[in-house]
Amino acid sequence: MTEAVKQVCGYVFEKSDILRIYAEPFAYNMASCRVLEKAGFQYEGTLRNNAVKNGKVIDMKMYSLLKEEI
């Protein structure tokens, strides 16, 4: 999965004028957070009480990758 994320992000940066890609996984989803980190995304912070899933209010994490970082 990490390699797929890297390839998609590289393609987007190469073929567009996008400067920043961000992702907001659920805070409890450590596997998704790890994939993003291994793909070069930087952790920016926790978005507290940012979503409702199955009737429960949960936190999300913010990650970003800048074009200049790849």
N, C-alpha and C. Protein backbone atom coordinates (compact mmCIF):
# COMPACT_ATOMS: atom_id res chain seq x y z
N MET A 1 0.82 -1.19 0.00
CA MET A 1 0.00 0.00 0.00
C MET A 1 0.87 1.26 0.00
N THR A 2 1.96 1.24 0.76
CA THR A 2 2.84 2.40 0.80
C THR A 2 3.35 2.77 -0.59
N GLU A 3 3.75 1.77 -1.35
CA GLU A 3 4.28 2.03 -2.69
C GLU A 3 3.19 2.61 -3.60
N ALA A 4 1.97 2.14 -3.45
CA ALA A 4 0.86 2.68 -4.25
C ALA A 4 0.62 4.15 -3.92
N VAL A 5 0.66 4.50 -2.65
CA VAL A 5 0.47 5.90 -2.24
C VAL A 5 1.58 6.76 -2.81
N LYS A 6 2.82 6.28 -2.73
CA LYS A 6 3.96 7.03 -3.29
C LYS A 6 3.79 7.27 -4.79
N GLN A 7 3.40 6.23 -5.51
CA GLN A 7 3.27 6.35 -6.96
C GLN A 7 2.14 7.31 -7.35
N VAL A 8 1.01 7.21 -6.68
CA VAL A 8 -0.11 8.10 -6.99
C VAL A 8 0.26 9.55 -6.69
N CYS A 9 0.88 9.79 -5.55
CA CYS A 9 1.26 11.15 -5.20
C CYS A 9 2.30 11.70 -6.18
N GLY A 10 3.27 10.88 -6.54
CA GLY A 10 4.27 11.30 -7.52
C GLY A 10 3.64 11.67 -8.85
N TYR A 11 2.70 10.86 -9.28
CA TYR A 11 1.99 11.12 -10.54
C TYR A 11 1.21 12.44 -10.47
N VAL A 12 0.49 12.65 -9.39
CA VAL A 12 -0.30 13.87 -9.22
C VAL A 12 0.61 15.10 -9.24
N PHE A 13 1.71 15.04 -8.52
CA PHE A 13 2.63 16.18 -8.50
C PHE A 13 3.26 16.43 -9.87
N GLU A 14 3.57 15.36 -10.57
CA GLU A 14 4.21 15.49 -11.89
C GLU A 14 3.25 16.04 -12.95
N LYS A 15 2.00 15.63 -12.90
CA LYS A 15 1.05 15.95 -13.96
C LYS A 15 0.12 17.13 -13.66
N SER A 16 0.27 17.75 -12.51
CA SER A 16 -0.61 18.87 -12.16
C SER A 16 0.18 19.97 -11.46
N ASP A 17 -0.49 21.04 -11.15
CA ASP A 17 0.15 22.13 -10.42
C ASP A 17 -0.16 22.09 -8.92
N ILE A 18 -0.63 20.96 -8.46
CA ILE A 18 -0.92 20.77 -7.04
C ILE A 18 0.39 20.81 -6.25
N LEU A 19 0.39 21.54 -5.16
CA LEU A 19 1.58 21.71 -4.33
C LEU A 19 1.53 20.91 -3.03
N ARG A 20 0.31 20.50 -2.63
CA ARG A 20 0.14 19.85 -1.33
C ARG A 20 -0.97 18.81 -1.42
N ILE A 21 -0.68 17.63 -0.89
CA ILE A 21 -1.69 16.57 -0.78
C ILE A 21 -1.85 16.29 0.71
N TYR A 22 -3.10 16.17 1.15
CA TYR A 22 -3.30 15.88 2.57
C TYR A 22 -4.24 14.69 2.74
N ALA A 23 -4.13 14.09 3.92
CA ALA A 23 -4.97 12.95 4.27
C ALA A 23 -5.40 13.11 5.73
N GLU A 24 -6.60 12.62 6.03
CA GLU A 24 -7.15 12.72 7.38
C GLU A 24 -7.68 11.35 7.84
N PRO A 25 -6.78 10.44 8.21
CA PRO A 25 -7.25 9.14 8.70
C PRO A 25 -7.83 9.26 10.11
N PHE A 26 -8.70 8.32 10.46
CA PHE A 26 -9.19 8.26 11.83
C PHE A 26 -8.00 8.05 12.76
N ALA A 27 -7.99 8.71 13.90
CA ALA A 27 -6.85 8.65 14.81
C ALA A 27 -6.56 7.23 15.29
N TYR A 28 -7.57 6.41 15.40
CA TYR A 28 -7.37 5.04 15.88
C TYR A 28 -6.82 4.11 14.79
N ASN A 29 -6.82 4.55 13.54
CA ASN A 29 -6.39 3.69 12.43
C ASN A 29 -4.87 3.80 12.25
N MET A 30 -4.14 3.13 13.11
CA MET A 30 -2.69 3.22 13.11
C MET A 30 -2.07 2.67 11.83
N ALA A 31 -2.70 1.70 11.19
CA ALA A 31 -2.16 1.14 9.95
C ALA A 31 -2.15 2.20 8.84
N SER A 32 -3.23 2.95 8.72
CA SER A 32 -3.29 4.00 7.71
C SER A 32 -2.29 5.11 8.03
N CYS A 33 -2.15 5.45 9.29
CA CYS A 33 -1.19 6.48 9.68
C CYS A 33 0.22 6.03 9.33
N ARG A 34 0.52 4.79 9.56
CA ARG A 34 1.86 4.25 9.27
C ARG A 34 2.14 4.26 7.77
N VAL A 35 1.16 3.88 6.96
CA VAL A 35 1.33 3.92 5.50
C VAL A 35 1.68 5.33 5.06
N LEU A 36 0.95 6.31 5.55
CA LEU A 36 1.21 7.70 5.18
C LEU A 36 2.62 8.12 5.60
N GLU A 37 3.01 7.78 6.81
CA GLU A 37 4.33 8.14 7.29
C GLU A 37 5.43 7.50 6.44
N LYS A 38 5.26 6.23 6.10
CA LYS A 38 6.24 5.54 5.28
C LYS A 38 6.29 6.09 3.86
N ALA A 39 5.20 6.70 3.41
CA ALA A 39 5.14 7.29 2.07
C ALA A 39 5.69 8.71 2.06
N GLY A 40 6.10 9.22 3.22
CA GLY A 40 6.72 10.53 3.28
C GLY A 40 5.84 11.65 3.80
N PHE A 41 4.60 11.34 4.17
CA PHE A 41 3.71 12.36 4.71
C PHE A 41 4.18 12.77 6.10
N GLN A 42 3.96 14.05 6.41
CA GLN A 42 4.31 14.59 7.72
C GLN A 42 3.05 14.73 8.56
N TYR A 43 3.15 14.32 9.82
CA TYR A 43 2.04 14.47 10.76
C TYR A 43 1.94 15.95 11.14
N GLU A 44 0.76 16.53 11.01
CA GLU A 44 0.57 17.95 11.31
C GLU A 44 -0.21 18.19 12.59
N GLY A 45 -0.99 17.21 13.03
CA GLY A 45 -1.73 17.39 14.27
C GLY A 45 -2.99 16.54 14.31
N THR A 46 -3.65 16.59 15.44
CA THR A 46 -4.89 15.85 15.64
C THR A 46 -6.08 16.79 15.54
N LEU A 47 -7.05 16.39 14.77
CA LEU A 47 -8.30 17.14 14.63
C LEU A 47 -9.29 16.53 15.62
N ARG A 48 -9.43 17.16 16.75
CA ARG A 48 -10.23 16.61 17.84
C ARG A 48 -11.72 16.68 17.52
N ASN A 49 -12.43 15.61 17.85
CA ASN A 49 -13.88 15.53 17.64
C ASN A 49 -14.27 15.97 16.23
N ASN A 50 -13.61 15.41 15.25
CA ASN A 50 -13.74 15.87 13.86
C ASN A 50 -14.73 15.06 13.02
N ALA A 51 -15.14 13.91 13.49
CA ALA A 51 -16.03 13.08 12.68
C ALA A 51 -16.97 12.28 13.58
N VAL A 52 -18.04 11.83 12.96
CA VAL A 52 -18.96 10.92 13.66
C VAL A 52 -18.98 9.63 12.86
N LYS A 53 -18.69 8.53 13.54
CA LYS A 53 -18.73 7.21 12.90
C LYS A 53 -19.50 6.26 13.81
N ASN A 54 -20.52 5.66 13.24
CA ASN A 54 -21.37 4.75 14.00
C ASN A 54 -21.90 5.42 15.27
N GLY A 55 -22.25 6.69 15.16
CA GLY A 55 -22.83 7.41 16.28
C GLY A 55 -21.85 7.88 17.33
N LYS A 56 -20.55 7.67 17.09
CA LYS A 56 -19.53 8.05 18.06
C LYS A 56 -18.66 9.16 17.47
N VAL A 57 -18.41 10.20 18.26
CA VAL A 57 -17.55 11.31 17.84
C VAL A 57 -16.10 10.87 18.02
N ILE A 58 -15.30 11.02 16.95
CA ILE A 58 -13.91 10.55 17.00
C ILE A 58 -12.95 11.60 16.46
N ASP A 59 -11.69 11.42 16.84
CA ASP A 59 -10.62 12.29 16.36
C ASP A 59 -10.09 11.78 15.02
N MET A 60 -9.48 12.70 14.29
CA MET A 60 -8.78 12.35 13.05
C MET A 60 -7.40 12.98 13.12
N LYS A 61 -6.48 12.43 12.36
CA LYS A 61 -5.14 13.00 12.28
C LYS A 61 -4.98 13.66 10.92
N MET A 62 -4.15 14.69 10.89
CA MET A 62 -3.87 15.40 9.64
C MET A 62 -2.44 15.11 9.22
N TYR A 63 -2.29 14.64 7.98
CA TYR A 63 -0.97 14.40 7.38
C TYR A 63 -0.91 15.15 6.07
N SER A 64 0.29 15.60 5.70
CA SER A 64 0.43 16.25 4.40
C SER A 64 1.77 15.89 3.75
N LEU A 65 1.77 16.01 2.43
CA LEU A 65 2.97 15.80 1.63
C LEU A 65 3.07 16.97 0.68
N LEU A 66 4.21 17.65 0.69
CA LEU A 66 4.43 18.78 -0.19
C LEU A 66 5.22 18.35 -1.42
N LYS A 67 4.93 18.98 -2.53
CA LYS A 67 5.59 18.64 -3.79
C LYS A 67 7.11 18.72 -3.65
N GLU A 68 7.58 19.71 -2.93
CA GLU A 68 9.03 19.89 -2.76
C GLU A 68 9.69 18.81 -1.91
N GLU A 69 8.87 17.99 -1.23
CA GLU A 69 9.42 16.96 -0.33
C GLU A 69 9.64 15.61 -1.02
N ILE A 70 9.17 15.47 -2.25
CA ILE A 70 9.37 14.17 -2.89
C ILE A 70 10.54 14.20 -3.83
